[in-house]
Amino acid sequence: MSHNEETPGDCVTFAVDLVSRLLPEGAMPPGENDRLLRSAAAKLVKAQHLRDIEPLFGELPDEVSNPAVELRACLLGELALIGSGGGRRSLEAYCDRLRELGHPLARLPRTRLDIEHRFTARVRGLGSIKTAKQLRSRFPEAPSTDRGAIAGRGARDARDDGRANAAARPFRAGGWAREPEARFFTLPSPLSPDDFGISFIKELPLRCLAGEGGRRGSALACATTPDDVLNELFSTAYVGGVNGHGQGGAYARLYAWESLYALMGLPSGVPLLEAVRRAADHRWLRFMAFTDWFHHDTSDLGFAVLDPTRTRVAVLAATDTDVHHDAPG
């Protein structure tokens, strides 16, 4: 995209109008138009100054189904991730209108929260975790106890399809190769946090752990933190799977939060800062296993969450690969 030094604001306005008008209707795969709008918004925010983007928000929208409105919503989301646009009256007014109209992105704060500090950041040497050694080097291992195994055998399945779909959203949006496993369990009595480890997880009826020990390596679990989990969920949608597509920062952020809320079992109406406070009362684990379900060739993730009552557990596992596998997902 060229940048006209004489009338940069007009150039940006023209570009946004062009993108909005040229989207074909019904001729592209489902979600492709959305991906193009999100990509265009991310590129504009990276390439243009705020002063050139700001004029786009001079007129407030009447509805949210217009592609031009959706593009502006994505622009606001991208600006929030880089800490830009705060205090600009036209941007704040547009965001308020989107909130009134019920746009999903409008529930996100206009500034990045501290728990989101790793979003879009690439740390040299910290790629995906593929080995037990890598997991142990980054996170403290959770103890394996007999009491945990006994408690795991007493867990009851608490199926919730809506919650499972929300938890899996970042992986589906990013196009990960295999359908994620999102499961929820209840316990007849509180589980001591000291017994929340791999011995507990291995007793749960999880597809991802079927045949555990059949491949070289033993399952293990390590303690982690909500910001680590949230960042992984964000990166999943932001980068996309090996055969998928990144969703842009605005929607990657939304999907990450929706997934985290689902893992904690929080209603959508709970404010994000309240969710951050509640997240600190949960126990969070990363786990890995060497089964036919996980591939260990691109990206694998396994999370388990114990709620503050110590009687409810959520598990989310996902795997991505560029190799064709016949094993069912």
C-alpha atoms as a PDB file:
ATOM      1  CA  MET A   1       0.000   0.000   0.000  1.00  0.00           C
ATOM      2  CA  SER A   2       1.568   3.273  -1.080  1.00  0.00           C
ATOM      3  CA  HIS A   3       1.592   6.243   1.252  1.00  0.00           C
ATOM      4  CA  ASN A   4       0.716   9.579  -0.340  1.00  0.00           C
ATOM      5  CA  GLU A   5       2.769  12.146   1.525  1.00  0.00           C
ATOM      6  CA  GLU A   6       0.562  15.028   0.366  1.00  0.00           C
ATOM      7  CA  THR A   7      -2.812  13.650   1.487  1.00  0.00           C
ATOM      8  CA  PRO A   8      -2.133  10.621   3.705  1.00  0.00           C
ATOM      9  CA  GLY A   9      -5.515  10.832   5.428  1.00  0.00           C
ATOM     10  CA  ASP A  10      -7.343  10.772   2.104  1.00  0.00           C
ATOM     11  CA  CYS A  11      -5.196   7.832   1.039  1.00  0.00           C
ATOM     12  CA  VAL A  12      -6.174   5.808   4.109  1.00  0.00           C
ATOM     13  CA  THR A  13      -9.846   6.683   3.686  1.00  0.00           C
ATOM     14  CA  PHE A  14      -9.720   5.584   0.052  1.00  0.00           C
ATOM     15  CA  ALA A  15      -7.998   2.324   0.994  1.00  0.00           C
ATOM     16  CA  VAL A  16     -10.588   1.502   3.643  1.00  0.00           C
ATOM     17  CA  ASP A  17     -13.446   2.320   1.289  1.00  0.00           C
ATOM     18  CA  LEU A  18     -11.865   0.199  -1.436  1.00  0.00           C
ATOM     19  CA  VAL A  19     -11.394  -2.826   0.817  1.00  0.00           C
ATOM     20  CA  SER A  20     -14.974  -2.551   2.079  1.00  0.00           C
ATOM     21  CA  ARG A  21     -16.471  -2.282  -1.406  1.00  0.00           C
ATOM     22  CA  LEU A  22     -14.426  -4.943  -3.176  1.00  0.00           C
ATOM     23  CA  LEU A  23     -15.329  -7.822  -0.877  1.00  0.00           C
ATOM     24  CA  PRO A  24     -17.219 -10.364  -2.988  1.00  0.00           C
ATOM     25  CA  GLU A  25     -20.541 -11.643  -1.699  1.00  0.00           C
ATOM     26  CA  GLY A  26     -20.994 -15.384  -1.565  1.00  0.00           C
ATOM     27  CA  ALA A  27     -18.032 -16.144  -3.826  1.00  0.00           C
ATOM     28  CA  MET A  28     -15.477 -16.921  -1.117  1.00  0.00           C
ATOM     29  CA  PRO A  29     -15.189 -19.685   1.495  1.00  0.00           C
ATOM     30  CA  PRO A  30     -16.939 -19.008   4.825  1.00  0.00           C
ATOM     31  CA  GLY A  31     -14.937 -16.616   6.958  1.00  0.00           C
ATOM     32  CA  GLU A  32     -12.645 -15.475   4.146  1.00  0.00           C
ATOM     33  CA  ASN A  33     -14.181 -12.003   3.959  1.00  0.00           C
ATOM     34  CA  ASP A  34     -13.743 -11.639   7.708  1.00  0.00           C
ATOM     35  CA  ARG A  35     -10.112 -12.675   7.468  1.00  0.00           C
ATOM     36  CA  LEU A  36      -9.433 -10.148   4.702  1.00  0.00           C
ATOM     37  CA  LEU A  37     -10.998  -7.311   6.706  1.00  0.00           C
ATOM     38  CA  ARG A  38      -9.005  -8.259   9.804  1.00  0.00           C
ATOM     39  CA  SER A  39      -5.786  -8.508   7.826  1.00  0.00           C
ATOM     40  CA  ALA A  40      -6.387  -5.144   6.146  1.00  0.00           C
ATOM     41  CA  ALA A  41      -6.985  -3.485   9.525  1.00  0.00           C
ATOM     42  CA  ALA A  42      -3.795  -4.945  10.995  1.00  0.00           C
ATOM     43  CA  LYS A  43      -1.716  -3.786   8.023  1.00  0.00           C
ATOM     44  CA  LEU A  44      -3.182  -0.272   8.062  1.00  0.00           C
ATOM     45  CA  VAL A  45      -2.377   0.182  11.743  1.00  0.00           C
ATOM     46  CA  LYS A  46       1.194  -0.967  11.174  1.00  0.00           C
ATOM     47  CA  ALA A  47       1.720   1.197   8.090  1.00  0.00           C
ATOM     48  CA  GLN A  48      -0.087   4.445   8.894  1.00  0.00           C
ATOM     49  CA  HIS A  49       0.071   7.172  11.524  1.00  0.00           C
ATOM     50  CA  LEU A  50      -2.815   7.567  13.940  1.00  0.00           C
ATOM     51  CA  ARG A  51      -3.429  11.088  12.633  1.00  0.00           C
ATOM     52  CA  ASP A  52      -4.161   9.593   9.206  1.00  0.00           C
ATOM     53  CA  ILE A  53      -6.438   6.873  10.586  1.00  0.00           C
ATOM     54  CA  GLU A  54      -8.413   9.106  12.945  1.00  0.00           C
ATOM     55  CA  PRO A  55     -10.542  10.811  10.239  1.00  0.00           C
ATOM     56  CA  LEU A  56     -12.126   7.428   9.457  1.00  0.00           C
ATOM     57  CA  PHE A  57     -14.131   7.690  12.680  1.00  0.00           C
ATOM     58  CA  GLY A  58     -15.838  11.030  12.069  1.00  0.00           C
ATOM     59  CA  GLU A  59     -19.236   9.477  11.317  1.00  0.00           C
ATOM     60  CA  LEU A  60     -20.876   7.120  13.792  1.00  0.00           C
ATOM     61  CA  PRO A  61     -22.413   3.861  12.500  1.00  0.00           C
ATOM     62  CA  ASP A  62     -26.106   2.929  12.577  1.00  0.00           C
ATOM     63  CA  GLU A  63     -25.554  -0.846  12.366  1.00  0.00           C
ATOM     64  CA  VAL A  64     -22.655  -3.305  12.533  1.00  0.00           C
ATOM     65  CA  SER A  65     -23.243  -5.545   9.517  1.00  0.00           C
ATOM     66  CA  ASN A  66     -21.607  -3.089   7.084  1.00  0.00           C
ATOM     67  CA  PRO A  67     -18.073  -4.190   6.069  1.00  0.00           C
ATOM     68  CA  ALA A  68     -16.844  -0.604   6.474  1.00  0.00           C
ATOM     69  CA  VAL A  69     -18.039  -0.605  10.093  1.00  0.00           C
ATOM     70  CA  GLU A  70     -16.461  -4.000  10.728  1.00  0.00           C
ATOM     71  CA  LEU A  71     -13.151  -2.774   9.341  1.00  0.00           C
ATOM     72  CA  ARG A  72     -13.232   0.229  11.668  1.00  0.00           C
ATOM     73  CA  ALA A  73     -14.039  -2.023  14.625  1.00  0.00           C
ATOM     74  CA  CYS A  74     -10.955  -4.081  13.759  1.00  0.00           C
ATOM     75  CA  LEU A  75      -8.885  -0.912  13.469  1.00  0.00           C
ATOM     76  CA  LEU A  76      -9.934   0.113  16.980  1.00  0.00           C
ATOM     77  CA  GLY A  77      -8.987  -3.338  18.229  1.00  0.00           C
ATOM     78  CA  GLU A  78      -5.559  -3.195  16.598  1.00  0.00           C
ATOM     79  CA  LEU A  79      -4.928   0.300  17.960  1.00  0.00           C
ATOM     80  CA  ALA A  80      -5.806  -0.860  21.471  1.00  0.00           C
ATOM     81  CA  LEU A  81      -3.182  -3.616  21.262  1.00  0.00           C
ATOM     82  CA  ILE A  82      -0.432  -1.106  20.530  1.00  0.00           C
ATOM     83  CA  GLY A  83      -1.701   1.396  23.095  1.00  0.00           C
ATOM     84  CA  SER A  84      -2.675   3.991  20.521  1.00  0.00           C
ATOM     85  CA  GLY A  85      -5.743   6.183  20.200  1.00  0.00           C
ATOM     86  CA  GLY A  86      -6.608   6.526  23.868  1.00  0.00           C
ATOM     87  CA  GLY A  87      -8.291   9.821  24.694  1.00  0.00           C
ATOM     88  CA  ARG A  88      -9.142  10.594  21.060  1.00  0.00           C
ATOM     89  CA  ARG A  89     -12.722  11.807  21.178  1.00  0.00           C
ATOM     90  CA  SER A  90     -13.800  10.476  17.781  1.00  0.00           C
ATOM     91  CA  LEU A  91     -12.358   7.025  18.462  1.00  0.00           C
ATOM     92  CA  GLU A  92     -13.905   6.838  21.921  1.00  0.00           C
ATOM     93  CA  ALA A  93     -17.299   7.906  20.539  1.00  0.00           C
ATOM     94  CA  TYR A  94     -17.118   5.279  17.798  1.00  0.00           C
ATOM     95  CA  CYS A  95     -16.222   2.600  20.323  1.00  0.00           C
ATOM     96  CA  ASP A  96     -19.124   3.661  22.543  1.00  0.00           C
ATOM     97  CA  ARG A  97     -21.503   3.378  19.601  1.00  0.00           C
ATOM     98  CA  LEU A  98     -20.181  -0.091  18.733  1.00  0.00           C
ATOM     99  CA  ARG A  99     -20.832  -1.087  22.342  1.00  0.00           C
ATOM    100  CA  GLU A 100     -24.391   0.248  22.108  1.00  0.00           C
ATOM    101  CA  LEU A 101     -24.903  -1.745  18.916  1.00  0.00           C
ATOM    102  CA  GLY A 102     -23.590  -4.928  20.530  1.00  0.00           C
ATOM    103  CA  HIS A 103     -20.419  -5.412  18.507  1.00  0.00           C
ATOM    104  CA  PRO A 104     -18.369  -8.213  20.133  1.00  0.00           C
ATOM    105  CA  LEU A 105     -15.056  -6.344  19.927  1.00  0.00           C
ATOM    106  CA  ALA A 106     -16.492  -3.420  21.897  1.00  0.00           C
ATOM    107  CA  ARG A 107     -16.461  -5.418  25.142  1.00  0.00           C
ATOM    108  CA  LEU A 108     -12.653  -5.339  25.127  1.00  0.00           C
ATOM    109  CA  PRO A 109     -10.883  -2.445  26.890  1.00  0.00           C
ATOM    110  CA  ARG A 110      -9.316   0.304  24.808  1.00  0.00           C
ATOM    111  CA  THR A 111      -5.934  -0.295  26.444  1.00  0.00           C
ATOM    112  CA  ARG A 112      -3.927  -3.456  26.834  1.00  0.00           C
ATOM    113  CA  LEU A 113      -4.224  -5.024  30.291  1.00  0.00           C
ATOM    114  CA  ASP A 114      -1.159  -6.052  32.240  1.00  0.00           C
ATOM    115  CA  ILE A 115      -2.136  -9.725  31.879  1.00  0.00           C
ATOM    116  CA  GLU A 116      -1.882  -9.218  28.090  1.00  0.00           C
ATOM    117  CA  HIS A 117       1.734  -8.011  28.235  1.00  0.00           C
ATOM    118  CA  ARG A 118       3.051 -10.811  25.997  1.00  0.00           C
ATOM    119  CA  PHE A 119       0.512 -10.378  23.182  1.00  0.00           C
ATOM    120  CA  THR A 120       2.259 -10.084  19.771  1.00  0.00           C
ATOM    121  CA  ALA A 121       5.678 -10.206  21.480  1.00  0.00           C
ATOM    122  CA  ARG A 122       8.228 -12.662  20.154  1.00  0.00           C
ATOM    123  CA  VAL A 123      10.808 -13.739  22.709  1.00  0.00           C
ATOM    124  CA  ARG A 124      14.031 -15.041  21.205  1.00  0.00           C
ATOM    125  CA  GLY A 125      14.525 -18.710  21.995  1.00  0.00           C
ATOM    126  CA  LEU A 126      10.963 -19.260  23.247  1.00  0.00           C
ATOM    127  CA  GLY A 127       9.157 -21.245  20.572  1.00  0.00           C
ATOM    128  CA  SER A 128       6.536 -23.933  21.008  1.00  0.00           C
ATOM    129  CA  ILE A 129       7.231 -26.551  23.670  1.00  0.00           C
ATOM    130  CA  LYS A 130       7.756 -29.982  22.113  1.00  0.00           C
ATOM    131  CA  THR A 131       9.679 -31.963  24.727  1.00  0.00           C
ATOM    132  CA  ALA A 132       9.369 -32.770  28.418  1.00  0.00           C
ATOM    133  CA  LYS A 133      12.773 -31.183  28.967  1.00  0.00           C
ATOM    134  CA  GLN A 134      11.576 -27.891  27.472  1.00  0.00           C
ATOM    135  CA  LEU A 135       8.440 -27.923  29.619  1.00  0.00           C
ATOM    136  CA  ARG A 136      10.366 -28.623  32.822  1.00  0.00           C
ATOM    137  CA  SER A 137      12.914 -25.912  31.984  1.00  0.00           C
ATOM    138  CA  ARG A 138      10.238 -23.204  31.820  1.00  0.00           C
ATOM    139  CA  PHE A 139       7.689 -24.228  34.459  1.00  0.00           C
ATOM    140  CA  PRO A 140       7.803 -25.937  37.875  1.00  0.00           C
ATOM    141  CA  GLU A 141       6.609 -29.523  37.714  1.00  0.00           C
ATOM    142  CA  ALA A 142       3.431 -30.319  39.639  1.00  0.00           C
ATOM    143  CA  PRO A 143       3.803 -33.263  42.028  1.00  0.00           C
ATOM    144  CA  SER A 144       2.262 -36.616  41.201  1.00  0.00           C
ATOM    145  CA  THR A 145       0.327 -38.067  44.141  1.00  0.00           C
ATOM    146  CA  ASP A 146      -1.743 -41.151  44.875  1.00  0.00           C
ATOM    147  CA  ARG A 147      -4.481 -38.919  46.289  1.00  0.00           C
ATOM    148  CA  GLY A 148      -4.619 -37.106  42.958  1.00  0.00           C
ATOM    149  CA  ALA A 149      -5.083 -40.363  41.081  1.00  0.00           C
ATOM    150  CA  ILE A 150      -7.897 -41.427  43.421  1.00  0.00           C
ATOM    151  CA  ALA A 151      -9.623 -38.064  42.978  1.00  0.00           C
ATOM    152  CA  GLY A 152      -9.289 -38.291  39.199  1.00  0.00           C
ATOM    153  CA  ARG A 153     -11.040 -41.643  39.152  1.00  0.00           C
ATOM    154  CA  GLY A 154     -13.963 -40.087  41.013  1.00  0.00           C
ATOM    155  CA  ALA A 155     -14.403 -37.149  38.613  1.00  0.00           C
ATOM    156  CA  ARG A 156     -17.721 -36.886  36.813  1.00  0.00           C
ATOM    157  CA  ASP A 157     -18.135 -35.624  33.251  1.00  0.00           C
ATOM    158  CA  ALA A 158     -19.980 -32.275  33.121  1.00  0.00           C
ATOM    159  CA  ARG A 159     -20.659 -31.849  29.423  1.00  0.00           C
ATOM    160  CA  ASP A 160     -21.302 -28.305  28.227  1.00  0.00           C
ATOM    161  CA  ASP A 161     -21.152 -27.915  24.449  1.00  0.00           C
ATOM    162  CA  GLY A 162     -21.476 -24.125  24.453  1.00  0.00           C
ATOM    163  CA  ARG A 163     -18.646 -23.741  26.917  1.00  0.00           C
ATOM    164  CA  ALA A 164     -16.543 -26.260  25.000  1.00  0.00           C
ATOM    165  CA  ASN A 165     -17.053 -24.378  21.730  1.00  0.00           C
ATOM    166  CA  ALA A 166     -15.950 -21.107  23.353  1.00  0.00           C
ATOM    167  CA  ALA A 167     -12.861 -22.751  24.868  1.00  0.00           C
ATOM    168  CA  ALA A 168     -11.863 -24.218  21.495  1.00  0.00           C
ATOM    169  CA  ARG A 169     -12.551 -21.055  19.461  1.00  0.00           C
ATOM    170  CA  PRO A 170      -8.916 -19.837  19.113  1.00  0.00           C
ATOM    171  CA  PHE A 171      -7.835 -23.169  17.648  1.00  0.00           C
ATOM    172  CA  ARG A 172     -10.751 -23.432  15.238  1.00  0.00           C
ATOM    173  CA  ALA A 173     -10.337 -19.822  14.132  1.00  0.00           C
ATOM    174  CA  GLY A 174      -6.609 -20.323  13.605  1.00  0.00           C
ATOM    175  CA  GLY A 175      -7.185 -23.471  11.583  1.00  0.00           C
ATOM    176  CA  TRP A 176      -5.322 -25.967  13.760  1.00  0.00           C
ATOM    177  CA  ALA A 177      -5.199 -29.400  12.144  1.00  0.00           C
ATOM    178  CA  ARG A 178      -7.107 -31.404  14.727  1.00  0.00           C
ATOM    179  CA  GLU A 179     -10.336 -30.625  16.557  1.00  0.00           C
ATOM    180  CA  PRO A 180      -9.406 -29.534  20.102  1.00  0.00           C
ATOM    181  CA  GLU A 181     -10.633 -31.448  23.130  1.00  0.00           C
ATOM    182  CA  ALA A 182     -12.412 -29.258  25.675  1.00  0.00           C
ATOM    183  CA  ARG A 183     -13.836 -31.136  28.667  1.00  0.00           C
ATOM    184  CA  PHE A 184     -15.274 -30.271  32.059  1.00  0.00           C
ATOM    185  CA  PHE A 185     -15.491 -32.349  35.223  1.00  0.00           C
ATOM    186  CA  THR A 186     -16.944 -32.096  38.712  1.00  0.00           C
ATOM    187  CA  LEU A 187     -15.526 -33.658  41.875  1.00  0.00           C
ATOM    188  CA  PRO A 188     -17.534 -35.022  44.818  1.00  0.00           C
ATOM    189  CA  SER A 189     -15.210 -33.284  47.312  1.00  0.00           C
ATOM    190  CA  PRO A 190     -12.605 -30.506  47.109  1.00  0.00           C
ATOM    191  CA  LEU A 191      -9.255 -31.459  45.610  1.00  0.00           C
ATOM    192  CA  SER A 192      -6.161 -30.260  47.415  1.00  0.00           C
ATOM    193  CA  PRO A 193      -4.077 -28.089  45.074  1.00  0.00           C
ATOM    194  CA  ASP A 194      -1.103 -30.263  46.001  1.00  0.00           C
ATOM    195  CA  ASP A 195      -2.881 -33.212  44.377  1.00  0.00           C
ATOM    196  CA  PHE A 196      -3.698 -31.347  41.162  1.00  0.00           C
ATOM    197  CA  GLY A 197      -1.054 -32.870  38.899  1.00  0.00           C
ATOM    198  CA  ILE A 198      -0.509 -35.398  36.147  1.00  0.00           C
ATOM    199  CA  SER A 199      -1.639 -38.345  38.287  1.00  0.00           C
ATOM    200  CA  PHE A 200      -5.038 -36.648  38.554  1.00  0.00           C
ATOM    201  CA  ILE A 201      -5.229 -35.710  34.860  1.00  0.00           C
ATOM    202  CA  LYS A 202      -4.268 -39.208  33.665  1.00  0.00           C
ATOM    203  CA  GLU A 203      -7.310 -40.688  35.419  1.00  0.00           C
ATOM    204  CA  LEU A 204      -9.741 -38.449  33.518  1.00  0.00           C
ATOM    205  CA  PRO A 205     -11.436 -40.041  30.460  1.00  0.00           C
ATOM    206  CA  LEU A 206      -9.646 -37.797  27.941  1.00  0.00           C
ATOM    207  CA  ARG A 207      -9.260 -38.701  24.265  1.00  0.00           C
ATOM    208  CA  CYS A 208      -5.902 -36.962  24.139  1.00  0.00           C
ATOM    209  CA  LEU A 209      -4.483 -39.308  26.796  1.00  0.00           C
ATOM    210  CA  ALA A 210      -5.829 -42.569  25.385  1.00  0.00           C
ATOM    211  CA  GLY A 211      -2.961 -45.051  25.101  1.00  0.00           C
ATOM    212  CA  GLU A 212      -0.670 -42.924  27.285  1.00  0.00           C
ATOM    213  CA  GLY A 213       2.755 -44.520  27.475  1.00  0.00           C
ATOM    214  CA  GLY A 214       2.427 -46.147  24.062  1.00  0.00           C
ATOM    215  CA  ARG A 215       4.993 -43.740  22.640  1.00  0.00           C
ATOM    216  CA  ARG A 216       8.383 -42.856  24.052  1.00  0.00           C
ATOM    217  CA  GLY A 217       7.991 -40.443  26.933  1.00  0.00           C
ATOM    218  CA  SER A 218       5.876 -40.021  30.046  1.00  0.00           C
ATOM    219  CA  ALA A 219       3.062 -37.566  30.616  1.00  0.00           C
ATOM    220  CA  LEU A 220       3.842 -34.665  32.920  1.00  0.00           C
ATOM    221  CA  ALA A 221       2.205 -31.512  34.213  1.00  0.00           C
ATOM    222  CA  CYS A 222       3.694 -28.203  35.314  1.00  0.00           C
ATOM    223  CA  ALA A 223       2.211 -25.263  37.170  1.00  0.00           C
ATOM    224  CA  THR A 224       1.633 -22.153  35.093  1.00  0.00           C
ATOM    225  CA  THR A 225      -0.154 -18.800  35.288  1.00  0.00           C
ATOM    226  CA  PRO A 226      -3.242 -17.215  33.694  1.00  0.00           C
ATOM    227  CA  ASP A 227      -1.167 -14.809  31.582  1.00  0.00           C
ATOM    228  CA  ASP A 228       0.759 -17.741  30.083  1.00  0.00           C
ATOM    229  CA  VAL A 229      -2.486 -19.515  29.177  1.00  0.00           C
ATOM    230  CA  LEU A 230      -4.070 -16.328  27.801  1.00  0.00           C
ATOM    231  CA  ASN A 231      -1.005 -15.585  25.684  1.00  0.00           C
ATOM    232  CA  GLU A 232      -1.018 -19.083  24.195  1.00  0.00           C
ATOM    233  CA  LEU A 233      -4.709 -18.751  23.353  1.00  0.00           C
ATOM    234  CA  PHE A 234      -4.061 -15.364  21.737  1.00  0.00           C
ATOM    235  CA  SER A 235      -1.077 -16.636  19.721  1.00  0.00           C
ATOM    236  CA  THR A 236      -3.095 -19.625  18.530  1.00  0.00           C
ATOM    237  CA  ALA A 237      -5.592 -17.381  16.745  1.00  0.00           C
ATOM    238  CA  TYR A 238      -3.157 -14.566  15.934  1.00  0.00           C
ATOM    239  CA  VAL A 239      -0.557 -16.731  14.172  1.00  0.00           C
ATOM    240  CA  GLY A 240      -2.869 -19.478  12.923  1.00  0.00           C
ATOM    241  CA  GLY A 241      -2.238 -23.162  12.430  1.00  0.00           C
ATOM    242  CA  VAL A 242       0.260 -24.698  10.043  1.00  0.00           C
ATOM    243  CA  ASN A 243      -2.454 -24.967   7.385  1.00  0.00           C
ATOM    244  CA  GLY A 244      -4.659 -22.171   8.712  1.00  0.00           C
ATOM    245  CA  HIS A 245      -4.709 -18.388   8.819  1.00  0.00           C
ATOM    246  CA  GLY A 246      -4.041 -15.775  11.465  1.00  0.00           C
ATOM    247  CA  GLN A 247      -7.089 -13.788  12.527  1.00  0.00           C
ATOM    248  CA  GLY A 248      -5.519 -10.405  13.238  1.00  0.00           C
ATOM    249  CA  GLY A 249      -4.903  -9.011  16.697  1.00  0.00           C
ATOM    250  CA  ALA A 250      -8.392  -7.675  17.441  1.00  0.00           C
ATOM    251  CA  TYR A 251     -10.237 -10.972  17.066  1.00  0.00           C
ATOM    252  CA  ALA A 252      -7.349 -13.072  18.381  1.00  0.00           C
ATOM    253  CA  ARG A 253      -7.661 -11.051  21.579  1.00  0.00           C
ATOM    254  CA  LEU A 254     -11.438 -11.570  21.700  1.00  0.00           C
ATOM    255  CA  TYR A 255     -11.190 -15.315  21.092  1.00  0.00           C
ATOM    256  CA  ALA A 256      -8.465 -15.673  23.726  1.00  0.00           C
ATOM    257  CA  TRP A 257     -10.624 -14.008  26.354  1.00  0.00           C
ATOM    258  CA  GLU A 258     -13.706 -16.001  25.380  1.00  0.00           C
ATOM    259  CA  SER A 259     -11.672 -19.184  25.758  1.00  0.00           C
ATOM    260  CA  LEU A 260     -10.258 -18.136  29.130  1.00  0.00           C
ATOM    261  CA  TYR A 261     -13.759 -17.268  30.378  1.00  0.00           C
ATOM    262  CA  ALA A 262     -14.946 -20.712  29.260  1.00  0.00           C
ATOM    263  CA  LEU A 263     -12.094 -22.439  31.067  1.00  0.00           C
ATOM    264  CA  MET A 264     -13.032 -20.595  34.259  1.00  0.00           C
ATOM    265  CA  GLY A 265     -16.775 -21.011  33.699  1.00  0.00           C
ATOM    266  CA  LEU A 266     -17.414 -17.260  33.857  1.00  0.00           C
ATOM    267  CA  PRO A 267     -20.510 -15.607  32.350  1.00  0.00           C
ATOM    268  CA  SER A 268     -19.710 -13.223  29.502  1.00  0.00           C
ATOM    269  CA  GLY A 269     -21.041 -10.285  31.517  1.00  0.00           C
ATOM    270  CA  VAL A 270     -18.194 -10.448  34.044  1.00  0.00           C
ATOM    271  CA  PRO A 271     -15.847  -7.464  33.403  1.00  0.00           C
ATOM    272  CA  LEU A 272     -12.362  -8.350  32.204  1.00  0.00           C
ATOM    273  CA  LEU A 273     -10.603  -6.878  35.228  1.00  0.00           C
ATOM    274  CA  GLU A 274     -12.861  -8.932  37.496  1.00  0.00           C
ATOM    275  CA  ALA A 275     -11.970 -12.010  35.417  1.00  0.00           C
ATOM    276  CA  VAL A 276      -8.283 -11.227  35.972  1.00  0.00           C
ATOM    277  CA  ARG A 277      -8.887 -11.082  39.724  1.00  0.00           C
ATOM    278  CA  ARG A 278     -10.761 -14.395  39.698  1.00  0.00           C
ATOM    279  CA  ALA A 279      -8.119 -16.055  37.526  1.00  0.00           C
ATOM    280  CA  ALA A 280      -5.605 -15.624  40.336  1.00  0.00           C
ATOM    281  CA  ASP A 281      -7.785 -17.860  42.542  1.00  0.00           C
ATOM    282  CA  HIS A 282      -7.711 -20.732  40.027  1.00  0.00           C
ATOM    283  CA  ARG A 283      -4.929 -23.295  39.692  1.00  0.00           C
ATOM    284  CA  TRP A 284      -3.461 -23.598  36.204  1.00  0.00           C
ATOM    285  CA  LEU A 285      -1.474 -26.486  34.708  1.00  0.00           C
ATOM    286  CA  ARG A 286       0.253 -27.135  31.412  1.00  0.00           C
ATOM    287  CA  PHE A 287       0.500 -30.800  30.563  1.00  0.00           C
ATOM    288  CA  MET A 288       1.918 -32.915  27.772  1.00  0.00           C
ATOM    289  CA  ALA A 289       1.665 -36.585  26.892  1.00  0.00           C
ATOM    290  CA  PHE A 290       3.146 -38.945  24.354  1.00  0.00           C
ATOM    291  CA  THR A 291       0.124 -40.543  22.746  1.00  0.00           C
ATOM    292  CA  ASP A 292      -1.166 -41.023  19.238  1.00  0.00           C
ATOM    293  CA  TRP A 293      -3.406 -37.977  19.743  1.00  0.00           C
ATOM    294  CA  PHE A 294      -0.557 -35.497  20.143  1.00  0.00           C
ATOM    295  CA  HIS A 295       1.849 -35.119  17.212  1.00  0.00           C
ATOM    296  CA  HIS A 296       4.914 -33.380  18.693  1.00  0.00           C
ATOM    297  CA  ASP A 297       5.968 -32.048  15.291  1.00  0.00           C
ATOM    298  CA  THR A 298       4.591 -28.487  15.207  1.00  0.00           C
ATOM    299  CA  SER A 299       2.490 -27.325  18.155  1.00  0.00           C
ATOM    300  CA  ASP A 300       0.819 -29.112  21.061  1.00  0.00           C
ATOM    301  CA  LEU A 301      -0.952 -27.545  24.021  1.00  0.00           C
ATOM    302  CA  GLY A 302      -2.599 -29.025  27.076  1.00  0.00           C
ATOM    303  CA  PHE A 303      -4.135 -26.987  29.912  1.00  0.00           C
ATOM    304  CA  ALA A 304      -6.017 -27.999  33.048  1.00  0.00           C
ATOM    305  CA  VAL A 305      -7.748 -25.539  35.383  1.00  0.00           C
ATOM    306  CA  LEU A 306      -8.974 -26.102  38.946  1.00  0.00           C
ATOM    307  CA  ASP A 307     -11.584 -23.606  40.138  1.00  0.00           C
ATOM    308  CA  PRO A 308     -11.533 -21.836  43.552  1.00  0.00           C
ATOM    309  CA  THR A 309     -14.040 -24.308  45.071  1.00  0.00           C
ATOM    310  CA  ARG A 310     -11.562 -27.071  44.115  1.00  0.00           C
ATOM    311  CA  THR A 311     -14.512 -29.133  42.830  1.00  0.00           C
ATOM    312  CA  ARG A 312     -14.581 -28.180  39.133  1.00  0.00           C
ATOM    313  CA  VAL A 313     -11.919 -28.881  36.538  1.00  0.00           C
ATOM    314  CA  ALA A 314     -11.610 -27.776  32.901  1.00  0.00           C
ATOM    315  CA  VAL A 315      -9.244 -29.378  30.391  1.00  0.00           C
ATOM    316  CA  LEU A 316      -8.288 -28.013  26.966  1.00  0.00           C
ATOM    317  CA  ALA A 317      -5.941 -29.904  24.645  1.00  0.00           C
ATOM    318  CA  ALA A 318      -4.961 -29.140  21.058  1.00  0.00           C
ATOM    319  CA  THR A 319      -2.475 -30.344  18.486  1.00  0.00           C
ATOM    320  CA  ASP A 320      -1.403 -29.040  15.082  1.00  0.00           C
ATOM    321  CA  THR A 321       0.547 -30.757  12.326  1.00  0.00           C
ATOM    322  CA  ASP A 322       1.400 -30.501   8.653  1.00  0.00           C
ATOM    323  CA  VAL A 323       1.502 -34.306   8.371  1.00  0.00           C
ATOM    324  CA  HIS A 324      -1.595 -36.268   7.425  1.00  0.00           C
ATOM    325  CA  HIS A 325      -2.735 -38.616  10.170  1.00  0.00           C
ATOM    326  CA  ASP A 326      -5.534 -41.120   9.950  1.00  0.00           C
ATOM    327  CA  ALA A 327      -6.167 -41.249  13.672  1.00  0.00           C
ATOM    328  CA  PRO A 328      -9.603 -39.827  14.527  1.00  0.00           C
ATOM    329  CA  GLY A 329      -9.746 -36.452  16.277  1.00  0.00           C
END
